[in-house]
Amino acid sequence: MLELEHTAIVDPAFWARFGPGAVGVGWDLALLGLLLHVSGNVTDGAKVQQWLESPDGRGFVSASSEAWGAALIAAGATAAEAASAVQNTTAFYTGAPGTPA
């Protein structure tokens, strides 16, 4: 069993822009990477980057970002706030044009 607690002080403007997906997607990717590493399926960083840029990798990021958007709504945000956070977070992690800084 793995138990992880992540605590951070987040700038309110950053939170408004990205919501929990800002770090949540990163944790999802890190845990996926750990699984792939310990299972021996991926040992080459270049292959990981290629996967992240593939339709499957982008789909994983999008699904993760959507799930964090749902968590944001469950925590009391409006659907519009969550949709904006999901869009910004997905763009950040996929390197989409117009990615917010």
Protein backbone atom coordinates (compact mmCIF):
# COMPACT_ATOMS: atom_id res chain seq x y z
CA MET A 1 0.00 0.00 0.00
CA LEU A 2 1.17 3.50 -0.81
CA GLU A 3 -0.10 6.45 1.17
CA LEU A 4 0.81 9.90 -0.08
CA GLU A 5 -0.03 13.29 1.33
CA HIS A 6 0.77 16.40 -0.69
CA THR A 7 0.37 19.73 1.05
CA ALA A 8 1.13 23.04 -0.58
CA ILE A 9 0.42 26.72 -0.20
CA VAL A 10 -0.94 27.77 -3.58
CA ASP A 11 -1.26 31.30 -4.89
CA PRO A 12 -5.00 32.04 -5.30
CA ALA A 13 -4.50 33.27 -8.88
CA PHE A 14 -2.69 30.03 -9.78
CA TRP A 15 -5.47 27.99 -8.16
CA ALA A 16 -8.13 29.93 -10.06
CA ARG A 17 -6.31 29.30 -13.33
CA PHE A 18 -5.47 25.60 -12.93
CA GLY A 19 -7.30 24.19 -9.91
CA PRO A 20 -6.18 20.89 -8.37
CA GLY A 21 -5.26 19.45 -11.77
CA ALA A 22 -2.12 21.58 -11.79
CA VAL A 23 -0.41 19.14 -9.46
CA GLY A 24 -2.94 16.32 -9.71
CA VAL A 25 -2.12 15.52 -13.33
CA GLY A 26 1.58 15.60 -12.45
CA TRP A 27 1.04 13.11 -9.63
CA ASP A 28 -1.03 10.87 -11.92
CA LEU A 29 1.78 10.89 -14.47
CA ALA A 30 4.42 10.28 -11.79
CA LEU A 31 2.54 7.29 -10.40
CA LEU A 32 2.01 5.90 -13.90
CA GLY A 33 5.74 6.33 -14.53
CA LEU A 34 6.54 4.52 -11.28
CA LEU A 35 4.27 1.64 -12.28
CA LEU A 36 5.89 1.37 -15.70
CA HIS A 37 9.37 1.51 -14.18
CA VAL A 38 8.86 -1.12 -11.48
CA SER A 39 7.09 -3.41 -13.95
CA GLY A 40 10.07 -3.13 -16.31
CA ASN A 41 7.91 -1.84 -19.16
CA VAL A 42 9.66 1.51 -19.62
CA THR A 43 13.25 2.35 -18.85
CA ASP A 44 13.93 4.90 -21.58
CA GLY A 45 13.00 8.54 -20.95
CA ALA A 46 12.79 9.23 -24.68
CA LYS A 47 10.11 6.56 -25.02
CA VAL A 48 8.16 8.18 -22.19
CA GLN A 49 8.31 11.55 -23.96
CA GLN A 50 7.17 9.96 -27.22
CA TRP A 51 4.23 8.38 -25.39
CA LEU A 52 3.29 11.70 -23.77
CA GLU A 53 3.17 13.29 -27.22
CA SER A 54 1.11 10.43 -28.69
CA PRO A 55 -2.70 10.34 -28.87
CA ASP A 56 -2.70 7.82 -25.97
CA GLY A 57 -0.52 10.05 -23.81
CA ARG A 58 -2.57 13.14 -24.57
CA GLY A 59 -5.71 11.13 -23.87
CA PHE A 60 -4.35 10.10 -20.48
CA VAL A 61 -3.56 13.72 -19.62
CA SER A 62 -6.98 14.87 -20.81
CA ALA A 63 -8.80 12.19 -18.81
CA SER A 64 -6.75 12.97 -15.71
CA SER A 65 -7.41 16.68 -16.08
CA GLU A 66 -11.15 16.04 -16.52
CA ALA A 67 -11.19 13.90 -13.36
CA TRP A 68 -9.48 16.68 -11.40
CA GLY A 69 -12.04 19.09 -12.83
CA ALA A 70 -14.80 16.88 -11.44
CA ALA A 71 -13.05 16.94 -8.06
CA LEU A 72 -12.96 20.73 -8.27
CA ILE A 73 -16.72 20.82 -8.85
CA ALA A 74 -17.24 18.40 -5.94
CA ALA A 75 -15.25 20.84 -3.79
CA GLY A 76 -17.68 23.65 -4.63
CA ALA A 77 -16.44 25.28 -7.84
CA THR A 78 -18.84 26.16 -10.62
CA ALA A 79 -18.90 24.15 -13.83
CA ALA A 80 -17.46 27.18 -15.68
CA GLU A 81 -14.57 27.50 -13.20
CA ALA A 82 -13.80 23.80 -13.50
CA ALA A 83 -14.01 23.85 -17.31
CA SER A 84 -11.53 26.71 -17.43
CA ALA A 85 -9.16 24.94 -15.04
CA VAL A 86 -9.40 21.70 -17.06
CA GLN A 87 -8.69 23.55 -20.31
CA ASN A 88 -5.68 25.39 -18.84
CA THR A 89 -4.27 22.30 -17.13
CA THR A 90 -4.65 20.09 -20.21
CA ALA A 91 -3.02 22.73 -22.41
CA PHE A 92 -0.14 23.07 -19.96
CA TYR A 93 0.61 19.35 -19.80
CA THR A 94 0.14 18.65 -23.50
CA GLY A 95 2.10 21.68 -24.66
CA ALA A 96 -0.85 22.78 -26.77
CA PRO A 97 -0.53 26.08 -28.62
CA GLY A 98 -1.53 28.95 -26.40
CA THR A 99 -0.42 27.06 -23.31
CA PRO A 100 -0.75 29.37 -20.31
CA ALA A 101 2.49 30.32 -18.60
